[in-house]
Amino acid sequence: MLSQEIFRALFTGSVFGAILFFATVIGPTTFKVLDGDSASDFLRKLIPRYFLFIIITAGLGAFSSWEQPLQATGLAAISLTSIILRQVALPQVLGWRDMQMDGDTASGQKFIRGRRFILAVTTAQFLIAGGVLARIAG
């Protein structure tokens, strides 16, 4: 069905584009334009919304891909991992960052590992979204 293919492409492209835009524009620009505290405050408000966008668009993409199980699975995995990142990993990582800022050096190491984990999962999500887009393009 043509409309289903259009929705699948739009939702998948939105996921791919959002991840790419955040990594290449939002993140770097935030730290160049805003001072440390303002950048931190901004990102603490933005990142949960960013993950919510990914959760919704990847979920809708998975739903619109029901006739293509591999694509649907990839998009569902992106949505589900974003739920975990938003609801579990991000609050934990931000808590470690707060403790680090209060002088807890052990929490600083946990923050670094947690941040790397989130970046690794996001990179995997980007690659999955790119793979789904490539399959859609045929």
N, C-alpha and C. Protein backbone atom coordinates (compact mmCIF):
# COMPACT_ATOMS: atom_id res chain seq x y z
N MET A 1 0.84 -1.17 0.00
CA MET A 1 0.00 0.00 0.00
C MET A 1 0.90 1.24 0.00
N LEU A 2 0.66 2.14 -0.94
CA LEU A 2 1.51 3.31 -1.13
C LEU A 2 1.55 4.22 0.09
N SER A 3 0.41 4.51 0.69
CA SER A 3 0.40 5.41 1.85
C SER A 3 1.19 4.83 3.02
N GLN A 4 1.13 3.52 3.19
CA GLN A 4 1.90 2.88 4.25
C GLN A 4 3.40 3.04 3.99
N GLU A 5 3.82 2.89 2.74
CA GLU A 5 5.23 3.07 2.39
C GLU A 5 5.68 4.51 2.64
N ILE A 6 4.80 5.46 2.34
CA ILE A 6 5.13 6.86 2.57
C ILE A 6 5.30 7.12 4.06
N PHE A 7 4.37 6.64 4.87
CA PHE A 7 4.48 6.83 6.32
C PHE A 7 5.74 6.16 6.87
N ARG A 8 6.02 4.95 6.41
CA ARG A 8 7.22 4.24 6.87
C ARG A 8 8.47 5.06 6.55
N ALA A 9 8.54 5.59 5.33
CA ALA A 9 9.69 6.39 4.94
C ALA A 9 9.78 7.69 5.74
N LEU A 10 8.65 8.35 5.95
CA LEU A 10 8.65 9.60 6.70
C LEU A 10 9.06 9.39 8.16
N PHE A 11 8.50 8.38 8.80
CA PHE A 11 8.84 8.15 10.20
C PHE A 11 10.30 7.71 10.35
N THR A 12 10.75 6.83 9.48
CA THR A 12 12.13 6.37 9.56
C THR A 12 13.10 7.50 9.25
N GLY A 13 12.78 8.30 8.23
CA GLY A 13 13.61 9.46 7.91
C GLY A 13 13.65 10.46 9.05
N SER A 14 12.54 10.61 9.74
CA SER A 14 12.49 11.52 10.88
C SER A 14 13.39 11.04 12.01
N VAL A 15 13.38 9.75 12.28
CA VAL A 15 14.26 9.19 13.32
C VAL A 15 15.72 9.39 12.92
N PHE A 16 16.06 9.00 11.71
CA PHE A 16 17.43 9.11 11.22
C PHE A 16 17.89 10.58 11.27
N GLY A 17 17.04 11.47 10.76
CA GLY A 17 17.39 12.88 10.72
C GLY A 17 17.51 13.51 12.10
N ALA A 18 16.64 13.12 13.02
CA ALA A 18 16.70 13.68 14.37
C ALA A 18 17.99 13.28 15.07
N ILE A 19 18.37 12.02 14.94
CA ILE A 19 19.61 11.56 15.57
C ILE A 19 20.81 12.29 14.96
N LEU A 20 20.84 12.38 13.63
CA LEU A 20 21.93 13.06 12.94
C LEU A 20 21.99 14.54 13.32
N PHE A 21 20.84 15.21 13.34
CA PHE A 21 20.78 16.63 13.66
C PHE A 21 21.23 16.90 15.10
N PHE A 22 20.78 16.07 16.02
CA PHE A 22 21.17 16.27 17.41
C PHE A 22 22.68 16.12 17.57
N ALA A 23 23.24 15.07 16.97
CA ALA A 23 24.66 14.78 17.14
C ALA A 23 25.56 15.80 16.45
N THR A 24 25.13 16.31 15.30
CA THR A 24 26.01 17.18 14.52
C THR A 24 25.73 18.67 14.68
N VAL A 25 24.53 19.03 15.13
CA VAL A 25 24.19 20.45 15.23
C VAL A 25 23.87 20.86 16.67
N ILE A 26 22.88 20.23 17.27
CA ILE A 26 22.41 20.66 18.59
C ILE A 26 23.50 20.53 19.65
N GLY A 27 24.07 19.34 19.78
CA GLY A 27 25.08 19.12 20.81
C GLY A 27 26.27 20.07 20.69
N PRO A 28 26.95 20.08 19.56
CA PRO A 28 28.12 20.95 19.44
C PRO A 28 27.79 22.44 19.56
N THR A 29 26.69 22.86 18.98
CA THR A 29 26.33 24.28 19.03
C THR A 29 25.99 24.73 20.44
N THR A 30 25.31 23.87 21.18
CA THR A 30 24.92 24.22 22.55
C THR A 30 26.14 24.60 23.38
N PHE A 31 27.21 23.82 23.28
CA PHE A 31 28.39 24.09 24.10
C PHE A 31 29.23 25.24 23.56
N LYS A 32 29.04 25.61 22.30
CA LYS A 32 29.75 26.77 21.75
C LYS A 32 29.04 28.08 22.08
N VAL A 33 27.72 28.04 22.16
CA VAL A 33 26.93 29.26 22.33
C VAL A 33 26.61 29.57 23.79
N LEU A 34 26.35 28.53 24.57
CA LEU A 34 25.94 28.73 25.97
C LEU A 34 27.09 28.42 26.93
N ASP A 35 27.09 29.11 28.07
CA ASP A 35 28.08 28.79 29.10
C ASP A 35 27.74 27.42 29.69
N GLY A 36 28.65 26.87 30.47
CA GLY A 36 28.50 25.50 30.99
C GLY A 36 27.19 25.23 31.71
N ASP A 37 26.81 26.10 32.64
CA ASP A 37 25.57 25.87 33.39
C ASP A 37 24.34 26.01 32.51
N SER A 38 24.34 27.02 31.64
CA SER A 38 23.19 27.21 30.74
C SER A 38 23.08 26.06 29.75
N ALA A 39 24.21 25.60 29.23
CA ALA A 39 24.20 24.46 28.30
C ALA A 39 23.66 23.22 29.00
N SER A 40 24.10 23.00 30.22
CA SER A 40 23.63 21.84 30.98
C SER A 40 22.13 21.92 31.24
N ASP A 41 21.66 23.09 31.66
CA ASP A 41 20.22 23.26 31.90
C ASP A 41 19.41 23.04 30.63
N PHE A 42 19.89 23.60 29.53
CA PHE A 42 19.20 23.45 28.25
C PHE A 42 19.12 21.98 27.84
N LEU A 43 20.25 21.29 27.90
CA LEU A 43 20.27 19.89 27.47
C LEU A 43 19.46 19.00 28.41
N ARG A 44 19.42 19.31 29.69
CA ARG A 44 18.61 18.52 30.63
C ARG A 44 17.12 18.64 30.31
N LYS A 45 16.72 19.74 29.72
CA LYS A 45 15.32 19.90 29.31
C LYS A 45 15.08 19.32 27.91
N LEU A 46 16.07 19.46 27.05
CA LEU A 46 15.90 19.04 25.66
C LEU A 46 16.00 17.52 25.48
N ILE A 47 16.96 16.89 26.10
CA ILE A 47 17.23 15.47 25.83
C ILE A 47 16.03 14.57 26.12
N PRO A 48 15.32 14.72 27.24
CA PRO A 48 14.13 13.88 27.42
C PRO A 48 13.09 14.07 26.32
N ARG A 49 12.94 15.30 25.84
CA ARG A 49 12.00 15.57 24.74
C ARG A 49 12.49 14.95 23.44
N TYR A 50 13.80 15.01 23.22
CA TYR A 50 14.41 14.38 22.05
C TYR A 50 14.11 12.88 22.06
N PHE A 51 14.35 12.23 23.20
CA PHE A 51 14.07 10.80 23.28
C PHE A 51 12.58 10.51 23.11
N LEU A 52 11.71 11.36 23.63
CA LEU A 52 10.27 11.17 23.44
C LEU A 52 9.92 11.24 21.96
N PHE A 53 10.52 12.17 21.23
CA PHE A 53 10.31 12.26 19.79
C PHE A 53 10.74 10.96 19.10
N ILE A 54 11.91 10.45 19.47
CA ILE A 54 12.41 9.20 18.88
C ILE A 54 11.48 8.05 19.24
N ILE A 55 11.04 7.98 20.48
CA ILE A 55 10.12 6.91 20.91
C ILE A 55 8.87 6.91 20.05
N ILE A 56 8.27 8.07 19.88
CA ILE A 56 7.01 8.17 19.14
C ILE A 56 7.21 7.90 17.66
N THR A 57 8.19 8.56 17.03
CA THR A 57 8.36 8.39 15.58
C THR A 57 8.83 6.98 15.23
N ALA A 58 9.74 6.42 16.02
CA ALA A 58 10.18 5.04 15.74
C ALA A 58 9.03 4.06 15.98
N GLY A 59 8.24 4.31 17.02
CA GLY A 59 7.08 3.45 17.28
C GLY A 59 6.07 3.50 16.14
N LEU A 60 5.78 4.71 15.66
CA LEU A 60 4.86 4.84 14.53
C LEU A 60 5.46 4.23 13.26
N GLY A 61 6.77 4.37 13.12
CA GLY A 61 7.44 3.74 11.98
C GLY A 61 7.34 2.22 12.05
N ALA A 62 7.51 1.67 13.24
CA ALA A 62 7.37 0.21 13.41
C ALA A 62 5.95 -0.23 13.09
N PHE A 63 4.98 0.52 13.58
CA PHE A 63 3.58 0.20 13.31
C PHE A 63 3.28 0.26 11.82
N SER A 64 3.81 1.26 11.13
CA SER A 64 3.55 1.39 9.70
C SER A 64 4.36 0.40 8.87
N SER A 65 5.26 -0.33 9.50
CA SER A 65 6.10 -1.32 8.80
C SER A 65 5.65 -2.75 9.05
N TRP A 66 4.44 -2.94 9.53
CA TRP A 66 4.00 -4.27 9.94
C TRP A 66 4.12 -5.30 8.82
N GLU A 67 4.07 -4.87 7.57
CA GLU A 67 4.21 -5.83 6.45
C GLU A 67 5.68 -6.18 6.17
N GLN A 68 6.59 -5.46 6.79
CA GLN A 68 8.03 -5.69 6.62
C GLN A 68 8.62 -5.99 8.00
N PRO A 69 8.60 -7.25 8.42
CA PRO A 69 8.99 -7.59 9.80
C PRO A 69 10.39 -7.13 10.22
N LEU A 70 11.36 -7.21 9.32
CA LEU A 70 12.72 -6.80 9.69
C LEU A 70 12.77 -5.30 9.97
N GLN A 71 12.11 -4.52 9.12
CA GLN A 71 12.06 -3.07 9.33
C GLN A 71 11.28 -2.73 10.60
N ALA A 72 10.16 -3.40 10.79
CA ALA A 72 9.34 -3.15 11.98
C ALA A 72 10.12 -3.48 13.25
N THR A 73 10.87 -4.57 13.22
CA THR A 73 11.67 -4.96 14.39
C THR A 73 12.75 -3.93 14.68
N GLY A 74 13.42 -3.46 13.64
CA GLY A 74 14.46 -2.44 13.82
C GLY A 74 13.91 -1.17 14.43
N LEU A 75 12.79 -0.70 13.91
CA LEU A 75 12.19 0.53 14.43
C LEU A 75 11.64 0.33 15.84
N ALA A 76 11.06 -0.83 16.09
CA ALA A 76 10.57 -1.12 17.45
C ALA A 76 11.74 -1.16 18.43
N ALA A 77 12.87 -1.72 18.00
CA ALA A 77 14.06 -1.75 18.87
C ALA A 77 14.54 -0.34 19.19
N ILE A 78 14.50 0.54 18.20
CA ILE A 78 14.88 1.94 18.45
C ILE A 78 13.94 2.57 19.47
N SER A 79 12.65 2.36 19.29
CA SER A 79 11.67 2.93 20.21
C SER A 79 11.86 2.38 21.62
N LEU A 80 12.01 1.08 21.74
CA LEU A 80 12.15 0.46 23.07
C LEU A 80 13.44 0.86 23.77
N THR A 81 14.54 0.91 23.02
CA THR A 81 15.79 1.33 23.66
C THR A 81 15.74 2.80 24.05
N SER A 82 15.00 3.60 23.31
CA SER A 82 14.85 5.01 23.68
C SER A 82 14.04 5.16 24.96
N ILE A 83 13.06 4.29 25.15
CA ILE A 83 12.31 4.31 26.41
C ILE A 83 13.26 4.01 27.57
N ILE A 84 14.10 3.01 27.41
CA ILE A 84 15.06 2.65 28.46
C ILE A 84 16.04 3.79 28.71
N LEU A 85 16.54 4.39 27.63
CA LEU A 85 17.47 5.50 27.80
C LEU A 85 16.81 6.67 28.52
N ARG A 86 15.60 7.01 28.11
CA ARG A 86 14.91 8.17 28.68
C ARG A 86 14.48 7.95 30.13
N GLN A 87 13.96 6.77 30.41
CA GLN A 87 13.36 6.54 31.72
C GLN A 87 14.33 5.96 32.76
N VAL A 88 15.38 5.29 32.30
CA VAL A 88 16.29 4.62 33.24
C VAL A 88 17.70 5.21 33.17
N ALA A 89 18.32 5.12 32.01
CA ALA A 89 19.73 5.50 31.89
C ALA A 89 19.95 7.00 32.10
N LEU A 90 19.16 7.82 31.45
CA LEU A 90 19.37 9.27 31.54
C LEU A 90 19.25 9.80 32.97
N PRO A 91 18.19 9.46 33.71
CA PRO A 91 18.14 9.95 35.10
C PRO A 91 19.32 9.47 35.94
N GLN A 92 19.76 8.24 35.71
CA GLN A 92 20.91 7.72 36.47
C GLN A 92 22.17 8.50 36.12
N VAL A 93 22.40 8.70 34.83
CA VAL A 93 23.60 9.42 34.38
C VAL A 93 23.59 10.86 34.90
N LEU A 94 22.44 11.50 34.85
CA LEU A 94 22.36 12.88 35.35
C LEU A 94 22.56 12.93 36.87
N GLY A 95 22.10 11.92 37.57
CA GLY A 95 22.35 11.84 39.01
C GLY A 95 23.83 11.71 39.31
N TRP A 96 24.51 10.87 38.53
CA TRP A 96 25.96 10.74 38.70
C TRP A 96 26.67 12.05 38.41
N ARG A 97 26.19 12.77 37.40
CA ARG A 97 26.79 14.06 37.06
C ARG A 97 26.62 15.04 38.22
N ASP A 98 25.44 15.07 38.80
CA ASP A 98 25.19 15.96 39.94
C ASP A 98 26.12 15.61 41.11
N MET A 99 26.28 14.31 41.38
CA MET A 99 27.17 13.90 42.47
C MET A 99 28.62 14.25 42.15
N GLN A 100 29.00 14.12 40.88
CA GLN A 100 30.34 14.50 40.46
C GLN A 100 30.57 16.00 40.70
N MET A 101 29.58 16.80 40.35
CA MET A 101 29.70 18.25 40.54
C MET A 101 29.79 18.62 42.02
N ASP A 102 29.28 17.74 42.88
CA ASP A 102 29.37 17.95 44.33
C ASP A 102 30.66 17.38 44.92
N GLY A 103 31.55 16.88 44.04
CA GLY A 103 32.86 16.43 44.50
C GLY A 103 33.07 14.94 44.59
N ASP A 104 32.10 14.13 44.21
CA ASP A 104 32.22 12.67 44.29
C ASP A 104 32.93 12.16 43.03
N THR A 105 34.23 11.85 43.15
CA THR A 105 35.00 11.44 41.98
C THR A 105 34.57 10.09 41.43
N ALA A 106 34.12 9.18 42.28
CA ALA A 106 33.64 7.87 41.80
C ALA A 106 32.43 8.05 40.90
N SER A 107 31.57 8.99 41.25
CA SER A 107 30.39 9.25 40.41
C SER A 107 30.80 9.86 39.08
N GLY A 108 31.91 10.57 39.07
CA GLY A 108 32.42 11.13 37.81
C GLY A 108 32.76 10.04 36.82
N GLN A 109 33.38 8.97 37.30
CA GLN A 109 33.71 7.84 36.42
C GLN A 109 32.44 7.13 35.95
N LYS A 110 31.47 7.00 36.84
CA LYS A 110 30.19 6.39 36.46
C LYS A 110 29.49 7.24 35.41
N PHE A 111 29.55 8.57 35.58
CA PHE A 111 28.95 9.48 34.61
C PHE A 111 29.56 9.28 33.23
N ILE A 112 30.88 9.20 33.18
CA ILE A 112 31.57 9.02 31.89
C ILE A 112 31.15 7.71 31.24
N ARG A 113 31.12 6.62 32.01
CA ARG A 113 30.71 5.33 31.45
C ARG A 113 29.24 5.36 31.02
N GLY A 114 28.39 5.97 31.82
CA GLY A 114 26.97 6.07 31.47
C GLY A 114 26.75 6.89 30.21
N ARG A 115 27.46 7.99 30.11
CA ARG A 115 27.35 8.83 28.91
C ARG A 115 27.82 8.06 27.68
N ARG A 116 28.91 7.33 27.81
CA ARG A 116 29.40 6.52 26.68
C ARG A 116 28.39 5.44 26.30
N PHE A 117 27.73 4.86 27.28
CA PHE A 117 26.70 3.85 27.01
C PHE A 117 25.56 4.48 26.20
N ILE A 118 25.09 5.64 26.62
CA ILE A 118 24.01 6.31 25.90
C ILE A 118 24.45 6.64 24.47
N LEU A 119 25.67 7.11 24.30
CA LEU A 119 26.17 7.42 22.96
C LEU A 119 26.29 6.16 22.10
N ALA A 120 26.72 5.06 22.69
CA ALA A 120 26.83 3.80 21.94
C ALA A 120 25.46 3.31 21.49
N VAL A 121 24.47 3.38 22.37
CA VAL A 121 23.12 2.95 22.00
C VAL A 121 22.56 3.86 20.92
N THR A 122 22.78 5.16 21.05
CA THR A 122 22.29 6.11 20.05
C THR A 122 22.96 5.87 18.70
N THR A 123 24.24 5.55 18.71
CA THR A 123 24.94 5.22 17.46
C THR A 123 24.33 3.98 16.82
N ALA A 124 24.05 2.97 17.63
CA ALA A 124 23.40 1.76 17.11
C ALA A 124 22.03 2.09 16.53
N GLN A 125 21.28 2.95 17.21
CA GLN A 125 19.96 3.36 16.71
C GLN A 125 20.10 4.05 15.36
N PHE A 126 21.10 4.91 15.24
CA PHE A 126 21.35 5.62 13.98
C PHE A 126 21.64 4.64 12.85
N LEU A 127 22.47 3.65 13.14
CA LEU A 127 22.81 2.64 12.12
C LEU A 127 21.59 1.80 11.74
N ILE A 128 20.78 1.45 12.72
CA ILE A 128 19.56 0.69 12.43
C ILE A 128 18.61 1.52 11.57
N ALA A 129 18.41 2.78 11.94
CA ALA A 129 17.53 3.65 11.15
C ALA A 129 18.06 3.81 9.74
N GLY A 130 19.37 3.94 9.59
CA GLY A 130 19.97 4.02 8.26
C GLY A 130 19.76 2.75 7.46
N GLY A 131 19.88 1.60 8.12
CA GLY A 131 19.63 0.33 7.45
C GLY A 131 18.19 0.19 6.99
N VAL A 132 17.26 0.61 7.84
CA VAL A 132 15.84 0.56 7.46
C VAL A 132 15.59 1.50 6.29
N LEU A 133 16.17 2.69 6.33
CA LEU A 133 16.00 3.63 5.21
C LEU A 133 16.55 3.04 3.91
N ALA A 134 17.70 2.38 4.01
CA ALA A 134 18.28 1.77 2.82
C ALA A 134 17.37 0.68 2.25
N ARG A 135 16.75 -0.10 3.12
CA ARG A 135 15.82 -1.14 2.65
C ARG A 135 14.57 -0.52 2.03
N ILE A 136 14.10 0.58 2.61
CA ILE A 136 12.94 1.26 2.04
C ILE A 136 13.26 1.78 0.65
N ALA A 137 14.47 2.35 0.51
CA ALA A 137 14.88 2.91 -0.78
C ALA A 137 15.07 1.81 -1.83
N GLY A 138 15.28 0.60 -1.35
CA GLY A 138 15.37 -0.56 -2.24
C GLY A 138 16.69 -0.68 -2.89
